[in-house]
C-alpha cells in the first residue's frame, strides 16, 4: 500500500486556561484542568443529541503546536528519569509521525454546542478531530500487560506530597482572578512527580534549599525534601526585572499591568 495522504477537518476547538506545553500534565487523569470543546455549528445539534449521560468521552485531537516538530523512532519517556529511550509507538510521546492525540476526559455537561470537560490535557486552541463515547466494557482492560512499564519501579509513580503555603495560595488566587492562570493546579501537577527533573521542567536552583519553577511570566519558589518526597511551595514571584515593568515598556505577553498590580497589592 502506498503512503496515501488524507485530509481531516476539525469538528471543534478546545477552550481552557492552559496555553503553553509546559502547563500540561502527562495525562489528563493527573490534571485538575477544566475546559470545554466548542463544536462548530455543523457538528452540534443532532450529532451530539445522545451524548448526554456518558460520564467520559474519547477526544481525538491535533497537537497543533507540534506540527513542525520532527518525530524520532526512539523517545525519552518521563519515567524513569534518566532511563532508556523507548520505541515511539510504545509510548505516548506528543511528537509523532502524525500530530494526533487521544485523551479520555470527563464530560461534565453539555450546553448547546459546548461540551464541558474535566481533567483535560489539551491546550487552548487545540483542534478537535473527533469525539467518541467511552464504553467501559469495550475500553477498560485493567489487567492488561504493559510491556516495558513493568520494569519501572513502583516508586517512580508515587506522588510527592505538595504543601502550599498560605502566602502562595493568596498570591495564586490573585493571579487566577486577574489573568485566569491557575498556578495552584499548575504546581500540583508539575511538582507531584519528579519535581527536580530539569529535563522536563523550567526549573532552576536558587540556593542549596530553594528552587524556582517557571510558568509563563511567573516563578514559583519551593523547597524539596527528597528523603520524605515532600515539596513545600513558598511563594510566586514576578519573572520580570524592575526595568521591564517601567511604564511604557514593551509588553510581549500583555500581562505587565497584572505584574505591576501584583507587586503593589499582593507581593
C-alpha atoms as a PDB file:
ATOM      1  CA  UNK A   1       0.000   0.000   0.000  1.00  0.00           C
ATOM      2  CA  UNK A   2       1.352   3.420  -0.881  1.00  0.00           C
ATOM      3  CA  UNK A   3       1.657   6.253   1.640  1.00  0.00           C
ATOM      4  CA  UNK A   4      -1.716   7.772   0.817  1.00  0.00           C
ATOM      5  CA  UNK A   5      -2.375  11.201   2.280  1.00  0.00           C
ATOM      6  CA  UNK A   6      -5.639  12.043   3.998  1.00  0.00           C
ATOM      7  CA  UNK A   7      -7.183  15.346   4.912  1.00  0.00           C
ATOM      8  CA  UNK A   8      -9.107  15.924   8.133  1.00  0.00           C
ATOM      9  CA  UNK A   9     -11.301  18.817   9.160  1.00  0.00           C
ATOM     10  CA  UNK A  10     -11.713  19.879  12.790  1.00  0.00           C
ATOM     11  CA  UNK A  11     -15.170  19.490  14.305  1.00  0.00           C
ATOM     12  CA  UNK A  12     -14.451  21.946  17.094  1.00  0.00           C
ATOM     13  CA  UNK A  13     -11.836  23.663  19.228  1.00  0.00           C
ATOM     14  CA  UNK A  14     -10.757  23.452  22.875  1.00  0.00           C
ATOM     15  CA  UNK A  15     -11.064  26.440  25.196  1.00  0.00           C
ATOM     16  CA  UNK A  16      -9.183  26.318  28.504  1.00  0.00           C
ATOM     17  CA  UNK A  17      -6.715  28.250  30.637  1.00  0.00           C
ATOM     18  CA  UNK A  18      -3.623  26.271  29.552  1.00  0.00           C
ATOM     19  CA  UNK A  19      -1.824  27.898  26.646  1.00  0.00           C
ATOM     20  CA  UNK A  20       1.712  26.509  26.734  1.00  0.00           C
ATOM     21  CA  UNK A  21       3.087  22.975  26.532  1.00  0.00           C
ATOM     22  CA  UNK A  22       4.761  23.136  29.932  1.00  0.00           C
ATOM     23  CA  UNK A  23       1.406  23.777  31.635  1.00  0.00           C
ATOM     24  CA  UNK A  24       0.045  20.355  30.745  1.00  0.00           C
ATOM     25  CA  UNK A  25       0.079  17.157  32.811  1.00  0.00           C
ATOM     26  CA  UNK A  26       1.410  13.973  31.247  1.00  0.00           C
ATOM     27  CA  UNK A  27      -2.131  12.580  31.156  1.00  0.00           C
ATOM     28  CA  UNK A  28      -5.471  14.240  31.784  1.00  0.00           C
ATOM     29  CA  UNK A  29      -6.282  11.932  34.702  1.00  0.00           C
ATOM     30  CA  UNK A  30      -3.475  13.645  36.657  1.00  0.00           C
ATOM     31  CA  UNK A  31      -4.832  17.110  35.916  1.00  0.00           C
ATOM     32  CA  UNK A  32      -7.178  19.443  37.701  1.00  0.00           C
ATOM     33  CA  UNK A  33      -7.578  21.426  34.484  1.00  0.00           C
ATOM     34  CA  UNK A  34     -11.086  22.014  33.201  1.00  0.00           C
ATOM     35  CA  UNK A  35     -12.171  23.316  29.829  1.00  0.00           C
ATOM     36  CA  UNK A  36     -14.651  22.883  27.042  1.00  0.00           C
ATOM     37  CA  UNK A  37     -14.938  21.875  23.425  1.00  0.00           C
ATOM     38  CA  UNK A  38     -16.798  24.344  21.260  1.00  0.00           C
ATOM     39  CA  UNK A  39     -18.249  22.343  18.386  1.00  0.00           C
ATOM     40  CA  UNK A  40     -18.617  24.166  15.102  1.00  0.00           C
ATOM     41  CA  UNK A  41     -22.227  24.755  14.084  1.00  0.00           C
ATOM     42  CA  UNK A  42     -22.375  21.845  11.635  1.00  0.00           C
ATOM     43  CA  UNK A  43     -21.415  19.336  14.332  1.00  0.00           C
ATOM     44  CA  UNK A  44     -23.666  20.235  17.253  1.00  0.00           C
ATOM     45  CA  UNK A  45     -27.383  19.557  17.485  1.00  0.00           C
ATOM     46  CA  UNK A  46     -28.322  16.094  16.280  1.00  0.00           C
ATOM     47  CA  UNK A  47     -24.678  14.943  16.186  1.00  0.00           C
ATOM     48  CA  UNK A  48     -24.441  15.137  19.995  1.00  0.00           C
ATOM     49  CA  UNK A  49     -28.089  14.678  20.967  1.00  0.00           C
ATOM     50  CA  UNK A  50     -27.475  11.287  22.605  1.00  0.00           C
ATOM     51  CA  UNK A  51     -24.130  12.102  24.229  1.00  0.00           C
ATOM     52  CA  UNK A  52     -25.718  13.297  27.480  1.00  0.00           C
ATOM     53  CA  UNK A  53     -25.408  10.663  30.197  1.00  0.00           C
ATOM     54  CA  UNK A  54     -21.943   9.475  29.186  1.00  0.00           C
ATOM     55  CA  UNK A  55     -19.523  10.183  32.026  1.00  0.00           C
ATOM     56  CA  UNK A  56     -16.431  10.060  29.824  1.00  0.00           C
ATOM     57  CA  UNK A  57     -15.607  10.623  26.175  1.00  0.00           C
ATOM     58  CA  UNK A  58     -12.622   9.980  23.952  1.00  0.00           C
ATOM     59  CA  UNK A  59     -11.288  13.090  22.244  1.00  0.00           C
ATOM     60  CA  UNK A  60      -9.110  12.763  19.157  1.00  0.00           C
ATOM     61  CA  UNK A  61      -7.230  15.979  18.574  1.00  0.00           C
ATOM     62  CA  UNK A  62      -4.281  17.579  16.833  1.00  0.00           C
ATOM     63  CA  UNK A  63      -1.067  18.591  18.603  1.00  0.00           C
ATOM     64  CA  UNK A  64      -1.286  21.881  16.737  1.00  0.00           C
ATOM     65  CA  UNK A  65       1.892  23.319  18.262  1.00  0.00           C
ATOM     66  CA  UNK A  66       3.905  20.256  17.229  1.00  0.00           C
ATOM     67  CA  UNK A  67       3.225  20.261  13.507  1.00  0.00           C
ATOM     68  CA  UNK A  68       6.743  21.454  12.692  1.00  0.00           C
ATOM     69  CA  UNK A  69       8.497  19.142  15.151  1.00  0.00           C
ATOM     70  CA  UNK A  70      10.108  16.079  13.613  1.00  0.00           C
ATOM     71  CA  UNK A  71       9.458  12.617  15.015  1.00  0.00           C
ATOM     72  CA  UNK A  72      12.102  10.136  16.142  1.00  0.00           C
ATOM     73  CA  UNK A  73      11.893   6.333  16.296  1.00  0.00           C
ATOM     74  CA  UNK A  74      13.187   6.374  19.907  1.00  0.00           C
ATOM     75  CA  UNK A  75      11.985   8.828  22.569  1.00  0.00           C
ATOM     76  CA  UNK A  76      12.629   9.509  26.254  1.00  0.00           C
ATOM     77  CA  UNK A  77       9.611   8.667  28.473  1.00  0.00           C
ATOM     78  CA  UNK A  78       9.128  10.706  31.660  1.00  0.00           C
ATOM     79  CA  UNK A  79       9.615   7.586  33.814  1.00  0.00           C
ATOM     80  CA  UNK A  80      12.087   6.541  34.951  1.00  0.00           C
ATOM     81  CA  UNK A  81      14.042   9.797  34.915  1.00  0.00           C
ATOM     82  CA  UNK A  82      17.254   9.181  33.011  1.00  0.00           C
ATOM     83  CA  UNK A  83      16.051   5.768  31.896  1.00  0.00           C
ATOM     84  CA  UNK A  84      16.496   4.197  28.440  1.00  0.00           C
ATOM     85  CA  UNK A  85      14.910   5.562  25.306  1.00  0.00           C
ATOM     86  CA  UNK A  86      11.887   3.632  24.055  1.00  0.00           C
ATOM     87  CA  UNK A  87      10.231   2.990  20.716  1.00  0.00           C
ATOM     88  CA  UNK A  88       7.915   5.827  19.670  1.00  0.00           C
ATOM     89  CA  UNK A  89       4.910   3.562  19.180  1.00  0.00           C
ATOM     90  CA  UNK A  90       5.403   2.045  22.651  1.00  0.00           C
ATOM     91  CA  UNK A  91       4.993   5.479  24.266  1.00  0.00           C
ATOM     92  CA  UNK A  92       2.558   8.361  24.375  1.00  0.00           C
ATOM     93  CA  UNK A  93       5.070  10.956  23.240  1.00  0.00           C
ATOM     94  CA  UNK A  94       3.316  14.024  21.745  1.00  0.00           C
ATOM     95  CA  UNK A  95       5.911  14.228  18.944  1.00  0.00           C
ATOM     96  CA  UNK A  96       4.575  11.739  16.443  1.00  0.00           C
ATOM     97  CA  UNK A  97       4.619  10.969  12.716  1.00  0.00           C
ATOM     98  CA  UNK A  98       1.133  12.467  12.561  1.00  0.00           C
ATOM     99  CA  UNK A  99       0.471  15.027  15.328  1.00  0.00           C
ATOM    100  CA  UNK A 100      -2.571  13.199  16.721  1.00  0.00           C
ATOM    101  CA  UNK A 101      -3.549  12.969  20.366  1.00  0.00           C
ATOM    102  CA  UNK A 102      -6.074  10.769  22.143  1.00  0.00           C
ATOM    103  CA  UNK A 103      -7.486  11.605  25.551  1.00  0.00           C
ATOM    104  CA  UNK A 104     -10.207  10.147  27.733  1.00  0.00           C
ATOM    105  CA  UNK A 105     -11.811  13.036  29.614  1.00  0.00           C
ATOM    106  CA  UNK A 106     -14.760  13.580  31.926  1.00  0.00           C
ATOM    107  CA  UNK A 107     -17.877  15.023  30.335  1.00  0.00           C
ATOM    108  CA  UNK A 108     -19.301  17.359  32.959  1.00  0.00           C
ATOM    109  CA  UNK A 109     -22.185  18.712  30.902  1.00  0.00           C
ATOM    110  CA  UNK A 110     -23.467  19.923  27.556  1.00  0.00           C
ATOM    111  CA  UNK A 111     -24.618  23.471  26.878  1.00  0.00           C
ATOM    112  CA  UNK A 112     -25.729  23.994  23.318  1.00  0.00           C
ATOM    113  CA  UNK A 113     -22.743  23.213  21.117  1.00  0.00           C
ATOM    114  CA  UNK A 114     -20.288  23.256  24.050  1.00  0.00           C
ATOM    115  CA  UNK A 115     -19.056  20.119  25.794  1.00  0.00           C
ATOM    116  CA  UNK A 116     -17.918  20.928  29.349  1.00  0.00           C
ATOM    117  CA  UNK A 117     -14.892  18.859  30.360  1.00  0.00           C
ATOM    118  CA  UNK A 118     -12.893  17.976  33.454  1.00  0.00           C
ATOM    119  CA  UNK A 119      -9.332  16.658  33.784  1.00  0.00           C
ATOM    120  CA  UNK A 120      -8.066  17.561  30.341  1.00  0.00           C
ATOM    121  CA  UNK A 121      -4.552  17.525  28.895  1.00  0.00           C
ATOM    122  CA  UNK A 122      -5.167  19.758  25.880  1.00  0.00           C
ATOM    123  CA  UNK A 123      -4.209  23.355  25.226  1.00  0.00           C
ATOM    124  CA  UNK A 124      -6.378  26.349  24.470  1.00  0.00           C
ATOM    125  CA  UNK A 125      -6.975  26.404  20.719  1.00  0.00           C
ATOM    126  CA  UNK A 126      -6.457  22.663  20.214  1.00  0.00           C
ATOM    127  CA  UNK A 127      -8.322  21.469  17.093  1.00  0.00           C
ATOM    128  CA  UNK A 128     -10.668  18.555  17.836  1.00  0.00           C
ATOM    129  CA  UNK A 129     -10.964  15.978  15.059  1.00  0.00           C
ATOM    130  CA  UNK A 130     -13.449  13.515  16.531  1.00  0.00           C
ATOM    131  CA  UNK A 131     -15.355  12.557  19.679  1.00  0.00           C
ATOM    132  CA  UNK A 132     -16.393   9.060  20.745  1.00  0.00           C
ATOM    133  CA  UNK A 133     -18.162   7.804  23.879  1.00  0.00           C
ATOM    134  CA  UNK A 134     -16.147   5.890  26.472  1.00  0.00           C
ATOM    135  CA  UNK A 135     -17.663   2.417  26.934  1.00  0.00           C
ATOM    136  CA  UNK A 136     -16.196   0.615  29.982  1.00  0.00           C
ATOM    137  CA  UNK A 137     -16.777  -2.955  28.795  1.00  0.00           C
ATOM    138  CA  UNK A 138     -15.074  -2.189  25.483  1.00  0.00           C
ATOM    139  CA  UNK A 139     -12.418   0.315  26.562  1.00  0.00           C
ATOM    140  CA  UNK A 140     -11.189  -0.764  30.020  1.00  0.00           C
ATOM    141  CA  UNK A 141      -8.701  -3.628  30.436  1.00  0.00           C
ATOM    142  CA  UNK A 142      -7.063  -3.009  33.834  1.00  0.00           C
ATOM    143  CA  UNK A 143      -5.263  -6.374  33.927  1.00  0.00           C
ATOM    144  CA  UNK A 144      -3.540  -5.955  30.567  1.00  0.00           C
ATOM    145  CA  UNK A 145       0.248  -6.336  30.364  1.00  0.00           C
ATOM    146  CA  UNK A 146       2.077  -3.032  29.918  1.00  0.00           C
ATOM    147  CA  UNK A 147       5.409  -4.110  28.429  1.00  0.00           C
ATOM    148  CA  UNK A 148       8.444  -2.056  29.417  1.00  0.00           C
ATOM    149  CA  UNK A 149       6.435  -0.101  32.006  1.00  0.00           C
ATOM    150  CA  UNK A 150       6.582  -3.188  34.238  1.00  0.00           C
ATOM    151  CA  UNK A 151      10.338  -2.518  34.503  1.00  0.00           C
ATOM    152  CA  UNK A 152       9.792   0.910  36.093  1.00  0.00           C
ATOM    153  CA  UNK A 153       9.994   0.749  39.906  1.00  0.00           C
ATOM    154  CA  UNK A 154       6.655   1.451  41.526  1.00  0.00           C
ATOM    155  CA  UNK A 155       8.270   4.308  43.446  1.00  0.00           C
ATOM    156  CA  UNK A 156       8.674   6.210  40.182  1.00  0.00           C
ATOM    157  CA  UNK A 157       4.912   6.631  40.045  1.00  0.00           C
ATOM    158  CA  UNK A 158       4.407   7.650  43.653  1.00  0.00           C
ATOM    159  CA  UNK A 159       3.294  11.229  44.025  1.00  0.00           C
ATOM    160  CA  UNK A 160       5.300  13.604  46.144  1.00  0.00           C
ATOM    161  CA  UNK A 161       3.383  15.436  48.826  1.00  0.00           C
ATOM    162  CA  UNK A 162       2.838  19.043  47.733  1.00  0.00           C
ATOM    163  CA  UNK A 163       2.192  21.549  50.521  1.00  0.00           C
ATOM    164  CA  UNK A 164       1.021  25.029  49.548  1.00  0.00           C
ATOM    165  CA  UNK A 165       1.783  27.882  51.927  1.00  0.00           C
ATOM    166  CA  UNK A 166      -0.947  30.415  52.818  1.00  0.00           C
ATOM    167  CA  UNK A 167       1.184  33.103  51.162  1.00  0.00           C
ATOM    168  CA  UNK A 168       1.287  31.207  47.876  1.00  0.00           C
ATOM    169  CA  UNK A 169      -2.435  30.422  47.981  1.00  0.00           C
ATOM    170  CA  UNK A 170      -3.205  34.119  48.451  1.00  0.00           C
ATOM    171  CA  UNK A 171      -0.940  35.050  45.549  1.00  0.00           C
ATOM    172  CA  UNK A 172      -2.321  32.280  43.315  1.00  0.00           C
ATOM    173  CA  UNK A 173      -5.899  33.413  43.983  1.00  0.00           C
ATOM    174  CA  UNK A 174      -4.985  36.943  42.879  1.00  0.00           C
ATOM    175  CA  UNK A 175      -3.260  35.724  39.707  1.00  0.00           C
ATOM    176  CA  UNK A 176      -6.201  33.447  38.885  1.00  0.00           C
ATOM    177  CA  UNK A 177      -8.668  36.298  39.311  1.00  0.00           C
ATOM    178  CA  UNK A 178      -6.646  38.772  37.255  1.00  0.00           C
ATOM    179  CA  UNK A 179      -5.386  36.535  34.440  1.00  0.00           C
ATOM    180  CA  UNK A 180      -7.181  33.167  34.546  1.00  0.00           C
ATOM    181  CA  UNK A 181      -3.869  31.366  35.094  1.00  0.00           C
ATOM    182  CA  UNK A 182      -4.373  28.575  37.640  1.00  0.00           C
ATOM    183  CA  UNK A 183      -0.995  28.423  39.379  1.00  0.00           C
ATOM    184  CA  UNK A 184      -2.361  26.261  42.173  1.00  0.00           C
ATOM    185  CA  UNK A 185      -3.269  23.465  39.793  1.00  0.00           C
ATOM    186  CA  UNK A 186      -0.062  24.003  37.813  1.00  0.00           C
ATOM    187  CA  UNK A 187       2.197  23.368  40.797  1.00  0.00           C
ATOM    188  CA  UNK A 188       0.183  20.364  41.965  1.00  0.00           C
ATOM    189  CA  UNK A 189       0.586  18.780  38.519  1.00  0.00           C
ATOM    190  CA  UNK A 190       4.215  19.755  37.932  1.00  0.00           C
ATOM    191  CA  UNK A 191       5.609  19.062  41.401  1.00  0.00           C
ATOM    192  CA  UNK A 192       3.771  15.857  42.293  1.00  0.00           C
ATOM    193  CA  UNK A 193       6.187  13.689  40.279  1.00  0.00           C
ATOM    194  CA  UNK A 194       9.953  14.208  39.991  1.00  0.00           C
ATOM    195  CA  UNK A 195       9.791  17.903  40.879  1.00  0.00           C
ATOM    196  CA  UNK A 196      13.554  18.329  40.351  1.00  0.00           C
ATOM    197  CA  UNK A 197      13.642  16.914  36.820  1.00  0.00           C
ATOM    198  CA  UNK A 198      15.267  19.782  34.903  1.00  0.00           C
ATOM    199  CA  UNK A 199      14.943  17.965  31.576  1.00  0.00           C
ATOM    200  CA  UNK A 200      11.146  18.421  31.578  1.00  0.00           C
ATOM    201  CA  UNK A 201      10.535  21.487  33.733  1.00  0.00           C
ATOM    202  CA  UNK A 202      11.544  25.148  33.594  1.00  0.00           C
ATOM    203  CA  UNK A 203      13.472  24.729  36.794  1.00  0.00           C
ATOM    204  CA  UNK A 204      16.457  26.468  38.351  1.00  0.00           C
ATOM    205  CA  UNK A 205      18.216  26.126  41.678  1.00  0.00           C
ATOM    206  CA  UNK A 206      18.265  29.332  43.726  1.00  0.00           C
ATOM    207  CA  UNK A 207      20.438  28.055  46.580  1.00  0.00           C
ATOM    208  CA  UNK A 208      21.059  24.832  48.494  1.00  0.00           C
ATOM    209  CA  UNK A 209      17.432  24.597  49.596  1.00  0.00           C
ATOM    210  CA  UNK A 210      15.287  26.666  47.232  1.00  0.00           C
ATOM    211  CA  UNK A 211      14.174  26.091  43.660  1.00  0.00           C
ATOM    212  CA  UNK A 212      12.149  28.133  41.187  1.00  0.00           C
ATOM    213  CA  UNK A 213       9.705  26.628  38.706  1.00  0.00           C
ATOM    214  CA  UNK A 214       8.754  28.780  35.729  1.00  0.00           C
ATOM    215  CA  UNK A 215       5.193  29.196  34.497  1.00  0.00           C
ATOM    216  CA  UNK A 216       4.617  31.794  31.798  1.00  0.00           C
ATOM    217  CA  UNK A 217       5.994  35.053  33.231  1.00  0.00           C
ATOM    218  CA  UNK A 218       5.927  33.844  36.847  1.00  0.00           C
ATOM    219  CA  UNK A 219       8.217  31.787  39.034  1.00  0.00           C
ATOM    220  CA  UNK A 220       7.116  29.538  41.874  1.00  0.00           C
ATOM    221  CA  UNK A 221       9.616  29.202  44.704  1.00  0.00           C
ATOM    222  CA  UNK A 222       9.663  25.908  46.618  1.00  0.00           C
ATOM    223  CA  UNK A 223      11.759  23.577  48.731  1.00  0.00           C
ATOM    224  CA  UNK A 224      12.049  19.824  48.226  1.00  0.00           C
ATOM    225  CA  UNK A 225      12.815  17.036  50.687  1.00  0.00           C
ATOM    226  CA  UNK A 226      13.979  14.029  48.662  1.00  0.00           C
ATOM    227  CA  UNK A 227      14.015  11.655  51.627  1.00  0.00           C
ATOM    228  CA  UNK A 228      10.403  12.409  52.522  1.00  0.00           C
ATOM    229  CA  UNK A 229       9.291  13.051  48.914  1.00  0.00           C
ATOM    230  CA  UNK A 230       7.756  16.308  50.032  1.00  0.00           C
ATOM    231  CA  UNK A 231       7.579  19.714  48.342  1.00  0.00           C
ATOM    232  CA  UNK A 232       6.641  22.957  50.060  1.00  0.00           C
ATOM    233  CA  UNK A 233       5.578  25.788  47.764  1.00  0.00           C
ATOM    234  CA  UNK A 234       6.513  29.104  49.380  1.00  0.00           C
ATOM    235  CA  UNK A 235       5.543  31.911  47.037  1.00  0.00           C
ATOM    236  CA  UNK A 236       5.041  33.175  43.500  1.00  0.00           C
ATOM    237  CA  UNK A 237       7.286  35.931  42.178  1.00  0.00           C
ATOM    238  CA  UNK A 238       7.276  38.003  39.011  1.00  0.00           C
ATOM    239  CA  UNK A 239       9.833  36.909  36.446  1.00  0.00           C
ATOM    240  CA  UNK A 240      10.110  40.446  35.067  1.00  0.00           C
ATOM    241  CA  UNK A 241      13.023  42.661  36.045  1.00  0.00           C
ATOM    242  CA  UNK A 242      12.202  46.018  37.577  1.00  0.00           C
ATOM    243  CA  UNK A 243      13.215  47.893  34.415  1.00  0.00           C
ATOM    244  CA  UNK A 244      10.953  45.650  32.335  1.00  0.00           C
ATOM    245  CA  UNK A 245       7.976  46.913  34.342  1.00  0.00           C
ATOM    246  CA  UNK A 246       8.622  50.615  33.757  1.00  0.00           C
ATOM    247  CA  UNK A 247       5.565  52.399  32.277  1.00  0.00           C
ATOM    248  CA  UNK A 248       5.553  52.095  28.506  1.00  0.00           C
ATOM    249  CA  UNK A 249       7.894  49.077  28.448  1.00  0.00           C
ATOM    250  CA  UNK A 250       7.309  46.580  25.629  1.00  0.00           C
ATOM    251  CA  UNK A 251       4.654  44.076  26.744  1.00  0.00           C
ATOM    252  CA  UNK A 252       5.061  40.959  24.625  1.00  0.00           C
ATOM    253  CA  UNK A 253       2.592  38.852  26.620  1.00  0.00           C
ATOM    254  CA  UNK A 254       0.166  41.628  27.521  1.00  0.00           C
ATOM    255  CA  UNK A 255       0.349  40.939  31.252  1.00  0.00           C
ATOM    256  CA  UNK A 256       2.664  43.560  32.724  1.00  0.00           C
ATOM    257  CA  UNK A 257      -0.170  45.544  34.285  1.00  0.00           C
ATOM    258  CA  UNK A 258      -1.078  42.414  36.265  1.00  0.00           C
ATOM    259  CA  UNK A 259       2.511  42.105  37.476  1.00  0.00           C
ATOM    260  CA  UNK A 260       2.601  45.774  38.467  1.00  0.00           C
ATOM    261  CA  UNK A 261      -0.644  45.370  40.418  1.00  0.00           C
ATOM    262  CA  UNK A 262       0.661  42.156  41.993  1.00  0.00           C
ATOM    263  CA  UNK A 263       3.809  43.925  43.224  1.00  0.00           C
ATOM    264  CA  UNK A 264       1.789  46.869  44.567  1.00  0.00           C
ATOM    265  CA  UNK A 265      -1.026  44.993  46.273  1.00  0.00           C
ATOM    266  CA  UNK A 266      -0.008  41.400  46.914  1.00  0.00           C
ATOM    267  CA  UNK A 267       3.706  40.696  46.916  1.00  0.00           C
END
